[in-house]
């Protein structure tokens, strides 16, 4: 009599991200999922090189074939504690798995790994989410839309009120520069650092931006007024999508409508590069940035995240809208820019 069929066992192990062959195998697996930029080992390498936060990953296999992958950044901060985050410094991440069995194995392995590494929290930003973790789908919104066929159609795709602002920006005395060299990087970091200081947020280390441009397909688009950079965005290009990821403007940018010029020019530039979609990124539900993106005609889509907290430990809180941080944010906004830029990166590299 034949023995009953037994499904192949799924095994989970820690990936060796120092092994070029293993990294290439994981990159191929991730590529099959299309727009999973923040699942790439290359992203983990960017984070590790730019912030010092350790790159990790769990692989699920059956008969030597990859059936699941969980990218992780091990975030350590004396202020915000220790956590495994998928993916660190990203708006996306989480588990990629071919079936529920592989996803469940990766979830349990992540919990065990967190406890072994004294991490109180595991955070998954998308992907397959375990139902027994703390789930949130009301805190963040994503904004993605198709790019139009030509420049005029792209302008007409913008709702009337916002389109008028874009038209005014096109008539202004503004210059647009696109590149990835040292001058582009320096201009971007200066603008971005001022922008986040004005919002009350510590700036990330410049090494993170340099690593991203060195390792990934990306560039910097900067808007200048009378030779001075007033708005700048660092964008990624992946699987037919442009992602304006780190962007901002100085105080002068608003009156000049430099941000309107920046994002519209990026739409045109991305289409010329062959992109089909514009991913306007993540914003807090009910926030000013979310309203701004809706003004451009982008329909918000809820983003689902999940977190696990080790028994007997406090949940990690890095939400800038939390009451715990309101006084600190108000103080940070008043810091001289030079001081904020000196001490900000040491704090921000622990936010993840």
C-alpha atoms as a PDB file:
ATOM      1  CA  UNK A   1       0.000   0.000   0.000  1.00  0.00           C
ATOM      2  CA  UNK A   2       1.355   3.464  -0.919  1.00  0.00           C
ATOM      3  CA  UNK A   3       2.183   5.859   1.898  1.00  0.00           C
ATOM      4  CA  UNK A   4      -0.039   8.983   2.094  1.00  0.00           C
ATOM      5  CA  UNK A   5       1.326  12.095   0.409  1.00  0.00           C
ATOM      6  CA  UNK A   6       3.315  14.292   2.794  1.00  0.00           C
ATOM      7  CA  UNK A   7       3.863  17.944   1.845  1.00  0.00           C
ATOM      8  CA  UNK A   8       7.460  19.077   1.648  1.00  0.00           C
ATOM      9  CA  UNK A   9       8.771  20.617   4.857  1.00  0.00           C
ATOM     10  CA  UNK A  10       9.522  24.324   4.951  1.00  0.00           C
ATOM     11  CA  UNK A  11      12.761  25.326   6.635  1.00  0.00           C
ATOM     12  CA  UNK A  12      13.722  28.835   7.714  1.00  0.00           C
ATOM     13  CA  UNK A  13      17.268  30.055   8.203  1.00  0.00           C
ATOM     14  CA  UNK A  14      19.216  33.285   8.545  1.00  0.00           C
ATOM     15  CA  UNK A  15      20.427  34.465   5.156  1.00  0.00           C
ATOM     16  CA  UNK A  16      24.151  34.942   4.623  1.00  0.00           C
ATOM     17  CA  UNK A  17      24.145  38.417   3.090  1.00  0.00           C
ATOM     18  CA  UNK A  18      27.935  38.322   2.758  1.00  0.00           C
ATOM     19  CA  UNK A  19      27.577  35.533   0.174  1.00  0.00           C
ATOM     20  CA  UNK A  20      27.214  37.063  -3.296  1.00  0.00           C
ATOM     21  CA  UNK A  21      25.488  33.938  -4.591  1.00  0.00           C
ATOM     22  CA  UNK A  22      22.917  33.997  -1.809  1.00  0.00           C
ATOM     23  CA  UNK A  23      22.268  37.703  -2.354  1.00  0.00           C
ATOM     24  CA  UNK A  24      21.792  37.133  -6.093  1.00  0.00           C
ATOM     25  CA  UNK A  25      19.343  34.303  -5.395  1.00  0.00           C
ATOM     26  CA  UNK A  26      17.276  36.518  -3.088  1.00  0.00           C
ATOM     27  CA  UNK A  27      17.381  39.410  -5.570  1.00  0.00           C
ATOM     28  CA  UNK A  28      15.941  37.094  -8.250  1.00  0.00           C
ATOM     29  CA  UNK A  29      13.161  35.989  -5.898  1.00  0.00           C
ATOM     30  CA  UNK A  30      12.291  39.593  -5.021  1.00  0.00           C
ATOM     31  CA  UNK A  31      12.303  40.607  -8.696  1.00  0.00           C
ATOM     32  CA  UNK A  32       9.471  38.141  -9.327  1.00  0.00           C
ATOM     33  CA  UNK A  33       7.288  40.282  -7.037  1.00  0.00           C
ATOM     34  CA  UNK A  34       7.614  43.364  -9.240  1.00  0.00           C
ATOM     35  CA  UNK A  35       7.539  46.565  -7.202  1.00  0.00           C
ATOM     36  CA  UNK A  36       9.159  45.213  -4.030  1.00  0.00           C
ATOM     37  CA  UNK A  37      12.045  47.717  -3.952  1.00  0.00           C
ATOM     38  CA  UNK A  38      12.342  47.772  -0.173  1.00  0.00           C
ATOM     39  CA  UNK A  39      12.602  43.979   0.011  1.00  0.00           C
ATOM     40  CA  UNK A  40      15.818  43.968  -1.964  1.00  0.00           C
ATOM     41  CA  UNK A  41      19.062  42.988  -0.214  1.00  0.00           C
ATOM     42  CA  UNK A  42      20.455  46.080  -1.939  1.00  0.00           C
ATOM     43  CA  UNK A  43      18.131  48.238   0.199  1.00  0.00           C
ATOM     44  CA  UNK A  44      19.319  46.516   3.375  1.00  0.00           C
ATOM     45  CA  UNK A  45      22.891  47.179   2.263  1.00  0.00           C
ATOM     46  CA  UNK A  46      22.064  50.873   1.756  1.00  0.00           C
ATOM     47  CA  UNK A  47      20.650  51.111   5.280  1.00  0.00           C
ATOM     48  CA  UNK A  48      23.594  49.292   6.859  1.00  0.00           C
ATOM     49  CA  UNK A  49      26.167  51.375   5.014  1.00  0.00           C
ATOM     50  CA  UNK A  50      24.339  54.661   5.574  1.00  0.00           C
ATOM     51  CA  UNK A  51      23.262  54.280   9.208  1.00  0.00           C
ATOM     52  CA  UNK A  52      25.248  51.394  10.690  1.00  0.00           C
ATOM     53  CA  UNK A  53      22.065  49.415  11.401  1.00  0.00           C
ATOM     54  CA  UNK A  54      22.741  45.726  10.749  1.00  0.00           C
ATOM     55  CA  UNK A  55      21.242  44.014   7.671  1.00  0.00           C
ATOM     56  CA  UNK A  56      19.578  40.659   8.302  1.00  0.00           C
ATOM     57  CA  UNK A  57      17.116  38.419   6.517  1.00  0.00           C
ATOM     58  CA  UNK A  58      15.236  35.152   6.906  1.00  0.00           C
ATOM     59  CA  UNK A  59      14.783  32.759   3.989  1.00  0.00           C
ATOM     60  CA  UNK A  60      12.157  30.033   3.712  1.00  0.00           C
ATOM     61  CA  UNK A  61      13.054  27.020   1.559  1.00  0.00           C
ATOM     62  CA  UNK A  62      11.623  23.721   0.330  1.00  0.00           C
ATOM     63  CA  UNK A  63      13.961  21.210  -1.290  1.00  0.00           C
ATOM     64  CA  UNK A  64      16.504  23.990  -1.729  1.00  0.00           C
ATOM     65  CA  UNK A  65      14.052  26.288  -3.516  1.00  0.00           C
ATOM     66  CA  UNK A  66      13.347  29.729  -2.088  1.00  0.00           C
ATOM     67  CA  UNK A  67       9.650  30.076  -1.137  1.00  0.00           C
ATOM     68  CA  UNK A  68       9.803  33.018   1.282  1.00  0.00           C
ATOM     69  CA  UNK A  69      11.919  36.003   2.275  1.00  0.00           C
ATOM     70  CA  UNK A  70      11.781  38.476   5.149  1.00  0.00           C
ATOM     71  CA  UNK A  71      14.260  41.391   4.914  1.00  0.00           C
ATOM     72  CA  UNK A  72      15.170  42.929   8.267  1.00  0.00           C
ATOM     73  CA  UNK A  73      17.134  45.850   9.607  1.00  0.00           C
ATOM     74  CA  UNK A  74      18.248  45.463  13.217  1.00  0.00           C
ATOM     75  CA  UNK A  75      17.635  48.939  14.607  1.00  0.00           C
ATOM     76  CA  UNK A  76      19.434  49.915  17.790  1.00  0.00           C
ATOM     77  CA  UNK A  77      18.910  53.261  19.494  1.00  0.00           C
ATOM     78  CA  UNK A  78      19.635  54.378  23.064  1.00  0.00           C
ATOM     79  CA  UNK A  79      16.513  56.556  22.772  1.00  0.00           C
ATOM     80  CA  UNK A  80      14.059  54.357  20.863  1.00  0.00           C
ATOM     81  CA  UNK A  81      15.255  50.880  21.863  1.00  0.00           C
ATOM     82  CA  UNK A  82      15.966  47.812  19.755  1.00  0.00           C
ATOM     83  CA  UNK A  83      13.757  46.453  16.980  1.00  0.00           C
ATOM     84  CA  UNK A  84      13.761  44.283  13.894  1.00  0.00           C
ATOM     85  CA  UNK A  85      12.163  46.332  11.126  1.00  0.00           C
ATOM     86  CA  UNK A  86      11.078  45.233   7.671  1.00  0.00           C
ATOM     87  CA  UNK A  87      12.306  47.209   6.115  1.00  0.00           C
ATOM     88  CA  UNK A  88      14.408  49.790   7.933  1.00  0.00           C
ATOM     89  CA  UNK A  89      14.063  53.420   6.755  1.00  0.00           C
ATOM     90  CA  UNK A  90      11.449  52.237   4.232  1.00  0.00           C
ATOM     91  CA  UNK A  91       7.734  52.701   3.739  1.00  0.00           C
ATOM     92  CA  UNK A  92       7.394  49.092   2.606  1.00  0.00           C
ATOM     93  CA  UNK A  93       8.700  45.665   3.428  1.00  0.00           C
ATOM     94  CA  UNK A  94       7.381  42.638   5.241  1.00  0.00           C
ATOM     95  CA  UNK A  95       7.118  39.008   4.220  1.00  0.00           C
ATOM     96  CA  UNK A  96       7.195  37.761   0.655  1.00  0.00           C
ATOM     97  CA  UNK A  97       5.968  34.151   0.645  1.00  0.00           C
ATOM     98  CA  UNK A  98       4.525  31.782  -1.905  1.00  0.00           C
ATOM     99  CA  UNK A  99       1.951  30.408   0.538  1.00  0.00           C
ATOM    100  CA  UNK A 100       0.574  30.790   4.059  1.00  0.00           C
ATOM    101  CA  UNK A 101       2.693  27.944   5.416  1.00  0.00           C
ATOM    102  CA  UNK A 102       5.933  29.680   4.435  1.00  0.00           C
ATOM    103  CA  UNK A 103       4.662  33.038   5.738  1.00  0.00           C
ATOM    104  CA  UNK A 104       3.766  31.548   9.124  1.00  0.00           C
ATOM    105  CA  UNK A 105       7.180  29.926   9.460  1.00  0.00           C
ATOM    106  CA  UNK A 106       8.869  33.257   8.765  1.00  0.00           C
ATOM    107  CA  UNK A 107       6.673  35.025  11.343  1.00  0.00           C
ATOM    108  CA  UNK A 108       7.565  32.579  14.099  1.00  0.00           C
ATOM    109  CA  UNK A 109      11.239  32.684  13.146  1.00  0.00           C
ATOM    110  CA  UNK A 110      11.195  36.501  13.315  1.00  0.00           C
ATOM    111  CA  UNK A 111       9.756  36.405  16.836  1.00  0.00           C
ATOM    112  CA  UNK A 112      12.468  33.964  17.923  1.00  0.00           C
ATOM    113  CA  UNK A 113      15.217  35.974  16.262  1.00  0.00           C
ATOM    114  CA  UNK A 114      14.038  39.167  17.958  1.00  0.00           C
ATOM    115  CA  UNK A 115      14.235  37.576  21.392  1.00  0.00           C
ATOM    116  CA  UNK A 116      17.669  36.095  20.678  1.00  0.00           C
ATOM    117  CA  UNK A 117      18.926  39.551  19.681  1.00  0.00           C
ATOM    118  CA  UNK A 118      17.243  41.381  22.590  1.00  0.00           C
ATOM    119  CA  UNK A 119      14.886  43.265  20.287  1.00  0.00           C
ATOM    120  CA  UNK A 120      11.605  44.124  21.978  1.00  0.00           C
ATOM    121  CA  UNK A 121       9.720  44.725  18.730  1.00  0.00           C
ATOM    122  CA  UNK A 122       9.326  43.382  15.208  1.00  0.00           C
ATOM    123  CA  UNK A 123       7.688  45.706  12.653  1.00  0.00           C
ATOM    124  CA  UNK A 124       6.348  44.609   9.262  1.00  0.00           C
ATOM    125  CA  UNK A 125       5.531  47.360   6.778  1.00  0.00           C
ATOM    126  CA  UNK A 126       3.296  45.509   4.352  1.00  0.00           C
ATOM    127  CA  UNK A 127       3.545  42.014   2.927  1.00  0.00           C
ATOM    128  CA  UNK A 128       1.805  39.025   4.487  1.00  0.00           C
ATOM    129  CA  UNK A 129       0.671  40.182   7.960  1.00  0.00           C
ATOM    130  CA  UNK A 130       0.189  37.714  10.844  1.00  0.00           C
ATOM    131  CA  UNK A 131      -3.349  37.949  12.293  1.00  0.00           C
ATOM    132  CA  UNK A 132      -2.132  37.452  15.873  1.00  0.00           C
ATOM    133  CA  UNK A 133       0.066  40.588  15.793  1.00  0.00           C
ATOM    134  CA  UNK A 134      -1.034  44.188  16.315  1.00  0.00           C
ATOM    135  CA  UNK A 135      -2.412  45.285  12.951  1.00  0.00           C
ATOM    136  CA  UNK A 136      -2.901  48.866  11.730  1.00  0.00           C
ATOM    137  CA  UNK A 137      -4.385  49.989   8.440  1.00  0.00           C
ATOM    138  CA  UNK A 138      -5.613  53.421   9.504  1.00  0.00           C
ATOM    139  CA  UNK A 139      -2.373  55.269  10.256  1.00  0.00           C
ATOM    140  CA  UNK A 140      -0.772  55.684   6.822  1.00  0.00           C
ATOM    141  CA  UNK A 141      -1.890  56.203   3.250  1.00  0.00           C
ATOM    142  CA  UNK A 142      -0.112  55.460  -0.019  1.00  0.00           C
ATOM    143  CA  UNK A 143      -0.504  57.479  -3.214  1.00  0.00           C
ATOM    144  CA  UNK A 144       0.216  55.925  -6.630  1.00  0.00           C
ATOM    145  CA  UNK A 145      -1.041  56.967 -10.080  1.00  0.00           C
ATOM    146  CA  UNK A 146      -0.224  56.281 -13.705  1.00  0.00           C
ATOM    147  CA  UNK A 147       1.847  58.808 -15.615  1.00  0.00           C
ATOM    148  CA  UNK A 148       0.268  60.457 -18.651  1.00  0.00           C
ATOM    149  CA  UNK A 149       1.330  59.924 -22.251  1.00  0.00           C
ATOM    150  CA  UNK A 150       2.902  63.357 -22.832  1.00  0.00           C
ATOM    151  CA  UNK A 151       3.708  66.660 -21.109  1.00  0.00           C
ATOM    152  CA  UNK A 152       0.415  68.385 -21.876  1.00  0.00           C
ATOM    153  CA  UNK A 153      -1.630  65.358 -20.838  1.00  0.00           C
ATOM    154  CA  UNK A 154       0.322  65.229 -17.577  1.00  0.00           C
ATOM    155  CA  UNK A 155      -0.573  68.829 -16.826  1.00  0.00           C
ATOM    156  CA  UNK A 156      -4.235  68.234 -17.666  1.00  0.00           C
ATOM    157  CA  UNK A 157      -4.270  65.183 -15.369  1.00  0.00           C
ATOM    158  CA  UNK A 158      -3.703  67.512 -12.405  1.00  0.00           C
ATOM    159  CA  UNK A 159      -6.981  68.825 -10.899  1.00  0.00           C
ATOM    160  CA  UNK A 160      -7.859  72.377 -11.901  1.00  0.00           C
ATOM    161  CA  UNK A 161      -6.882  74.223  -8.714  1.00  0.00           C
ATOM    162  CA  UNK A 162      -3.531  72.501  -8.365  1.00  0.00           C
ATOM    163  CA  UNK A 163      -2.972  72.786 -12.118  1.00  0.00           C
ATOM    164  CA  UNK A 164      -3.172  76.571 -11.793  1.00  0.00           C
ATOM    165  CA  UNK A 165      -0.395  76.437  -9.189  1.00  0.00           C
ATOM    166  CA  UNK A 166       1.730  74.285 -11.480  1.00  0.00           C
ATOM    167  CA  UNK A 167       1.213  76.709 -14.375  1.00  0.00           C
ATOM    168  CA  UNK A 168       2.362  79.595 -12.184  1.00  0.00           C
ATOM    169  CA  UNK A 169       5.448  77.610 -11.176  1.00  0.00           C
ATOM    170  CA  UNK A 170       6.272  77.042 -14.854  1.00  0.00           C
ATOM    171  CA  UNK A 171       6.160  80.801 -15.437  1.00  0.00           C
ATOM    172  CA  UNK A 172       8.394  81.577 -12.456  1.00  0.00           C
ATOM    173  CA  UNK A 173      12.094  82.379 -12.474  1.00  0.00           C
ATOM    174  CA  UNK A 174      13.124  78.847 -11.576  1.00  0.00           C
ATOM    175  CA  UNK A 175      15.826  76.542 -12.888  1.00  0.00           C
ATOM    176  CA  UNK A 176      15.675  72.728 -12.762  1.00  0.00           C
ATOM    177  CA  UNK A 177      18.775  70.576 -12.457  1.00  0.00           C
ATOM    178  CA  UNK A 178      18.869  66.759 -12.478  1.00  0.00           C
ATOM    179  CA  UNK A 179      21.900  64.632 -11.623  1.00  0.00           C
ATOM    180  CA  UNK A 180      23.577  62.390  -9.076  1.00  0.00           C
ATOM    181  CA  UNK A 181      26.996  63.991  -8.693  1.00  0.00           C
ATOM    182  CA  UNK A 182      28.507  65.659  -5.652  1.00  0.00           C
ATOM    183  CA  UNK A 183      26.959  69.064  -6.362  1.00  0.00           C
ATOM    184  CA  UNK A 184      23.497  67.497  -6.695  1.00  0.00           C
ATOM    185  CA  UNK A 185      23.927  65.513  -3.483  1.00  0.00           C
ATOM    186  CA  UNK A 186      25.184  68.495  -1.509  1.00  0.00           C
ATOM    187  CA  UNK A 187      22.349  70.738  -2.697  1.00  0.00           C
ATOM    188  CA  UNK A 188      19.770  68.078  -1.889  1.00  0.00           C
ATOM    189  CA  UNK A 189      21.096  67.460   1.603  1.00  0.00           C
ATOM    190  CA  UNK A 190      21.197  71.164   2.440  1.00  0.00           C
ATOM    191  CA  UNK A 191      17.581  71.659   1.361  1.00  0.00           C
ATOM    192  CA  UNK A 192      16.326  68.434   2.916  1.00  0.00           C
ATOM    193  CA  UNK A 193      18.062  69.115   6.233  1.00  0.00           C
ATOM    194  CA  UNK A 194      16.477  72.557   6.463  1.00  0.00           C
ATOM    195  CA  UNK A 195      13.087  71.177   5.481  1.00  0.00           C
ATOM    196  CA  UNK A 196      12.952  68.471   8.146  1.00  0.00           C
ATOM    197  CA  UNK A 197      14.335  70.836  10.813  1.00  0.00           C
ATOM    198  CA  UNK A 198      11.421  73.147  10.033  1.00  0.00           C
ATOM    199  CA  UNK A 199       9.085  70.183  10.613  1.00  0.00           C
ATOM    200  CA  UNK A 200      10.737  69.379  13.932  1.00  0.00           C
ATOM    201  CA  UNK A 201      12.438  66.186  12.773  1.00  0.00           C
ATOM    202  CA  UNK A 202      16.124  65.177  13.045  1.00  0.00           C
ATOM    203  CA  UNK A 203      17.779  64.757   9.660  1.00  0.00           C
ATOM    204  CA  UNK A 204      19.109  61.387   8.510  1.00  0.00           C
ATOM    205  CA  UNK A 205      22.869  60.986   8.004  1.00  0.00           C
ATOM    206  CA  UNK A 206      24.033  62.164   4.601  1.00  0.00           C
ATOM    207  CA  UNK A 207      25.759  58.789   4.257  1.00  0.00           C
ATOM    208  CA  UNK A 208      22.305  57.208   3.862  1.00  0.00           C
ATOM    209  CA  UNK A 209      21.534  59.341   0.798  1.00  0.00           C
ATOM    210  CA  UNK A 210      24.978  58.728  -0.683  1.00  0.00           C
ATOM    211  CA  UNK A 211      24.635  54.966  -0.191  1.00  0.00           C
ATOM    212  CA  UNK A 212      21.188  54.999  -1.817  1.00  0.00           C
ATOM    213  CA  UNK A 213      22.468  56.816  -4.906  1.00  0.00           C
ATOM    214  CA  UNK A 214      25.529  54.574  -5.122  1.00  0.00           C
ATOM    215  CA  UNK A 215      23.639  51.277  -4.764  1.00  0.00           C
ATOM    216  CA  UNK A 216      20.260  51.928  -6.436  1.00  0.00           C
ATOM    217  CA  UNK A 217      18.865  53.484  -9.602  1.00  0.00           C
ATOM    218  CA  UNK A 218      18.140  57.032  -8.520  1.00  0.00           C
ATOM    219  CA  UNK A 219      18.861  60.701  -9.025  1.00  0.00           C
ATOM    220  CA  UNK A 220      18.338  64.161  -7.547  1.00  0.00           C
ATOM    221  CA  UNK A 221      16.079  66.821  -9.047  1.00  0.00           C
ATOM    222  CA  UNK A 222      16.725  70.288  -7.642  1.00  0.00           C
ATOM    223  CA  UNK A 223      14.869  73.544  -8.251  1.00  0.00           C
ATOM    224  CA  UNK A 224      16.953  76.707  -8.012  1.00  0.00           C
ATOM    225  CA  UNK A 225      15.999  80.365  -7.744  1.00  0.00           C
ATOM    226  CA  UNK A 226      18.691  82.913  -8.602  1.00  0.00           C
ATOM    227  CA  UNK A 227      21.267  80.142  -8.296  1.00  0.00           C
ATOM    228  CA  UNK A 228      20.100  79.034  -4.826  1.00  0.00           C
ATOM    229  CA  UNK A 229      18.588  75.577  -4.288  1.00  0.00           C
ATOM    230  CA  UNK A 230      15.085  75.992  -2.827  1.00  0.00           C
ATOM    231  CA  UNK A 231      13.544  72.548  -3.376  1.00  0.00           C
ATOM    232  CA  UNK A 232      15.078  69.153  -4.002  1.00  0.00           C
ATOM    233  CA  UNK A 233      14.005  65.516  -4.165  1.00  0.00           C
ATOM    234  CA  UNK A 234      15.951  62.257  -4.285  1.00  0.00           C
ATOM    235  CA  UNK A 235      13.983  59.696  -6.285  1.00  0.00           C
ATOM    236  CA  UNK A 236      14.279  55.999  -7.062  1.00  0.00           C
ATOM    237  CA  UNK A 237      13.320  54.213 -10.280  1.00  0.00           C
ATOM    238  CA  UNK A 238      12.165  50.632  -9.927  1.00  0.00           C
ATOM    239  CA  UNK A 239      10.026  48.297 -12.010  1.00  0.00           C
ATOM    240  CA  UNK A 240       8.498  51.074 -14.100  1.00  0.00           C
ATOM    241  CA  UNK A 241       7.748  53.304 -11.113  1.00  0.00           C
ATOM    242  CA  UNK A 242       9.367  56.525  -9.921  1.00  0.00           C
ATOM    243  CA  UNK A 243       9.432  57.023  -6.160  1.00  0.00           C
ATOM    244  CA  UNK A 244      10.193  60.589  -4.976  1.00  0.00           C
ATOM    245  CA  UNK A 245      11.502  59.434  -1.620  1.00  0.00           C
ATOM    246  CA  UNK A 246      13.373  62.149   0.239  1.00  0.00           C
ATOM    247  CA  UNK A 247      12.259  65.629  -0.735  1.00  0.00           C
ATOM    248  CA  UNK A 248      11.686  69.049   0.742  1.00  0.00           C
ATOM    249  CA  UNK A 249      11.894  72.766   0.330  1.00  0.00           C
ATOM    250  CA  UNK A 250      13.204  75.818   2.132  1.00  0.00           C
ATOM    251  CA  UNK A 251      10.965  78.540   3.563  1.00  0.00           C
ATOM    252  CA  UNK A 252      11.312  80.377   0.249  1.00  0.00           C
ATOM    253  CA  UNK A 253       9.990  77.408  -1.745  1.00  0.00           C
ATOM    254  CA  UNK A 254       6.340  77.941  -0.883  1.00  0.00           C
ATOM    255  CA  UNK A 255       6.020  81.482  -2.259  1.00  0.00           C
ATOM    256  CA  UNK A 256       8.018  80.467  -5.334  1.00  0.00           C
ATOM    257  CA  UNK A 257       5.843  77.359  -5.867  1.00  0.00           C
ATOM    258  CA  UNK A 258       9.111  75.444  -6.137  1.00  0.00           C
ATOM    259  CA  UNK A 259       7.615  72.194  -4.847  1.00  0.00           C
ATOM    260  CA  UNK A 260       4.943  72.306  -7.558  1.00  0.00           C
ATOM    261  CA  UNK A 261       7.630  72.776 -10.188  1.00  0.00           C
ATOM    262  CA  UNK A 262       9.734  70.016  -8.637  1.00  0.00           C
ATOM    263  CA  UNK A 263       7.086  67.308  -8.654  1.00  0.00           C
ATOM    264  CA  UNK A 264       5.707  68.203 -12.080  1.00  0.00           C
ATOM    265  CA  UNK A 265       9.172  68.192 -13.626  1.00  0.00           C
ATOM    266  CA  UNK A 266       9.835  64.833 -11.959  1.00  0.00           C
ATOM    267  CA  UNK A 267       6.696  63.389 -13.569  1.00  0.00           C
ATOM    268  CA  UNK A 268       7.916  64.499 -16.989  1.00  0.00           C
ATOM    269  CA  UNK A 269      11.475  63.307 -16.352  1.00  0.00           C
ATOM    270  CA  UNK A 270      10.293  59.901 -15.115  1.00  0.00           C
ATOM    271  CA  UNK A 271       8.106  59.357 -18.183  1.00  0.00           C
ATOM    272  CA  UNK A 272      11.047  60.181 -20.450  1.00  0.00           C
ATOM    273  CA  UNK A 273      13.048  57.579 -18.552  1.00  0.00           C
ATOM    274  CA  UNK A 274      10.373  54.996 -19.355  1.00  0.00           C
ATOM    275  CA  UNK A 275       8.412  55.003 -16.104  1.00  0.00           C
ATOM    276  CA  UNK A 276       4.687  54.290 -16.164  1.00  0.00           C
ATOM    277  CA  UNK A 277       3.725  55.101 -12.566  1.00  0.00           C
ATOM    278  CA  UNK A 278       4.381  57.822 -10.011  1.00  0.00           C
ATOM    279  CA  UNK A 279       4.492  56.674  -6.372  1.00  0.00           C
ATOM    280  CA  UNK A 280       3.978  59.814  -4.278  1.00  0.00           C
ATOM    281  CA  UNK A 281       4.922  57.913  -1.135  1.00  0.00           C
ATOM    282  CA  UNK A 282       3.445  57.492   2.304  1.00  0.00           C
ATOM    283  CA  UNK A 283       1.704  60.107   4.435  1.00  0.00           C
ATOM    284  CA  UNK A 284      -0.034  60.095   7.781  1.00  0.00           C
ATOM    285  CA  UNK A 285      -3.808  59.797   7.568  1.00  0.00           C
ATOM    286  CA  UNK A 286      -5.398  63.220   7.942  1.00  0.00           C
ATOM    287  CA  UNK A 287      -2.087  65.057   7.568  1.00  0.00           C
ATOM    288  CA  UNK A 288      -1.195  68.099   5.487  1.00  0.00           C
ATOM    289  CA  UNK A 289       1.058  66.063   3.153  1.00  0.00           C
ATOM    290  CA  UNK A 290      -1.806  63.625   2.528  1.00  0.00           C
ATOM    291  CA  UNK A 291      -4.105  66.503   1.583  1.00  0.00           C
ATOM    292  CA  UNK A 292      -1.406  67.944  -0.694  1.00  0.00           C
ATOM    293  CA  UNK A 293      -1.094  64.678  -2.610  1.00  0.00           C
ATOM    294  CA  UNK A 294      -4.868  64.419  -2.994  1.00  0.00           C
ATOM    295  CA  UNK A 295      -4.789  67.919  -4.500  1.00  0.00           C
ATOM    296  CA  UNK A 296      -2.619  66.477  -7.264  1.00  0.00           C
ATOM    297  CA  UNK A 297      -5.355  63.950  -8.077  1.00  0.00           C
ATOM    298  CA  UNK A 298      -3.855  60.939  -6.290  1.00  0.00           C
ATOM    299  CA  UNK A 299      -6.357  58.603  -4.636  1.00  0.00           C
ATOM    300  CA  UNK A 300      -5.214  57.491  -1.156  1.00  0.00           C
ATOM    301  CA  UNK A 301      -4.925  53.796  -0.384  1.00  0.00           C
ATOM    302  CA  UNK A 302      -4.596  52.522   3.212  1.00  0.00           C
ATOM    303  CA  UNK A 303      -1.270  50.892   4.047  1.00  0.00           C
ATOM    304  CA  UNK A 304      -1.371  47.881   6.356  1.00  0.00           C
ATOM    305  CA  UNK A 305       1.379  47.376   8.941  1.00  0.00           C
ATOM    306  CA  UNK A 306       1.843  44.927  11.802  1.00  0.00           C
ATOM    307  CA  UNK A 307       4.010  44.797  14.924  1.00  0.00           C
ATOM    308  CA  UNK A 308       4.908  42.250  17.550  1.00  0.00           C
ATOM    309  CA  UNK A 309       6.137  43.102  21.040  1.00  0.00           C
ATOM    310  CA  UNK A 310       8.043  40.658  23.204  1.00  0.00           C
ATOM    311  CA  UNK A 311       6.163  39.588  26.348  1.00  0.00           C
ATOM    312  CA  UNK A 312       6.838  41.870  29.302  1.00  0.00           C
ATOM    313  CA  UNK A 313       8.304  44.704  27.235  1.00  0.00           C
ATOM    314  CA  UNK A 314       6.958  48.073  26.154  1.00  0.00           C
ATOM    315  CA  UNK A 315       5.974  48.651  22.530  1.00  0.00           C
ATOM    316  CA  UNK A 316       8.378  50.871  20.577  1.00  0.00           C
ATOM    317  CA  UNK A 317       6.968  54.314  19.871  1.00  0.00           C
ATOM    318  CA  UNK A 318       8.492  56.442  17.109  1.00  0.00           C
ATOM    319  CA  UNK A 319       5.242  58.108  16.017  1.00  0.00           C
ATOM    320  CA  UNK A 320       5.990  61.844  15.686  1.00  0.00           C
ATOM    321  CA  UNK A 321       2.280  62.590  16.224  1.00  0.00           C
ATOM    322  CA  UNK A 322       2.390  61.008  19.653  1.00  0.00           C
ATOM    323  CA  UNK A 323       1.864  63.307  22.636  1.00  0.00           C
ATOM    324  CA  UNK A 324       5.182  62.023  23.970  1.00  0.00           C
ATOM    325  CA  UNK A 325       7.061  63.890  21.244  1.00  0.00           C
ATOM    326  CA  UNK A 326       5.071  67.104  20.799  1.00  0.00           C
ATOM    327  CA  UNK A 327       7.281  69.192  23.099  1.00  0.00           C
ATOM    328  CA  UNK A 328      10.478  67.764  21.583  1.00  0.00           C
ATOM    329  CA  UNK A 329       9.277  68.566  18.059  1.00  0.00           C
ATOM    330  CA  UNK A 330       8.441  72.135  19.043  1.00  0.00           C
ATOM    331  CA  UNK A 331      11.922  72.526  20.543  1.00  0.00           C
ATOM    332  CA  UNK A 332      13.646  71.025  17.487  1.00  0.00           C
ATOM    333  CA  UNK A 333      11.948  73.527  15.172  1.00  0.00           C
ATOM    334  CA  UNK A 334      13.661  76.339  17.078  1.00  0.00           C
ATOM    335  CA  UNK A 335      17.183  74.891  16.901  1.00  0.00           C
ATOM    336  CA  UNK A 336      19.721  76.731  14.755  1.00  0.00           C
ATOM    337  CA  UNK A 337      20.164  74.736  11.552  1.00  0.00           C
ATOM    338  CA  UNK A 338      23.880  74.122  12.146  1.00  0.00           C
ATOM    339  CA  UNK A 339      23.216  72.547  15.552  1.00  0.00           C
ATOM    340  CA  UNK A 340      20.286  70.486  14.229  1.00  0.00           C
ATOM    341  CA  UNK A 341      22.473  69.151  11.409  1.00  0.00           C
ATOM    342  CA  UNK A 342      25.269  68.186  13.800  1.00  0.00           C
ATOM    343  CA  UNK A 343      23.221  66.262  16.334  1.00  0.00           C
ATOM    344  CA  UNK A 344      20.280  65.184  14.190  1.00  0.00           C
ATOM    345  CA  UNK A 345      21.894  62.246  12.336  1.00  0.00           C
ATOM    346  CA  UNK A 346      22.936  60.505  15.566  1.00  0.00           C
ATOM    347  CA  UNK A 347      19.288  60.536  16.660  1.00  0.00           C
ATOM    348  CA  UNK A 348      17.687  59.848  13.279  1.00  0.00           C
ATOM    349  CA  UNK A 349      19.757  56.732  12.562  1.00  0.00           C
ATOM    350  CA  UNK A 350      17.860  55.071  15.427  1.00  0.00           C
ATOM    351  CA  UNK A 351      14.393  55.838  14.032  1.00  0.00           C
ATOM    352  CA  UNK A 352      14.491  53.284  11.238  1.00  0.00           C
END
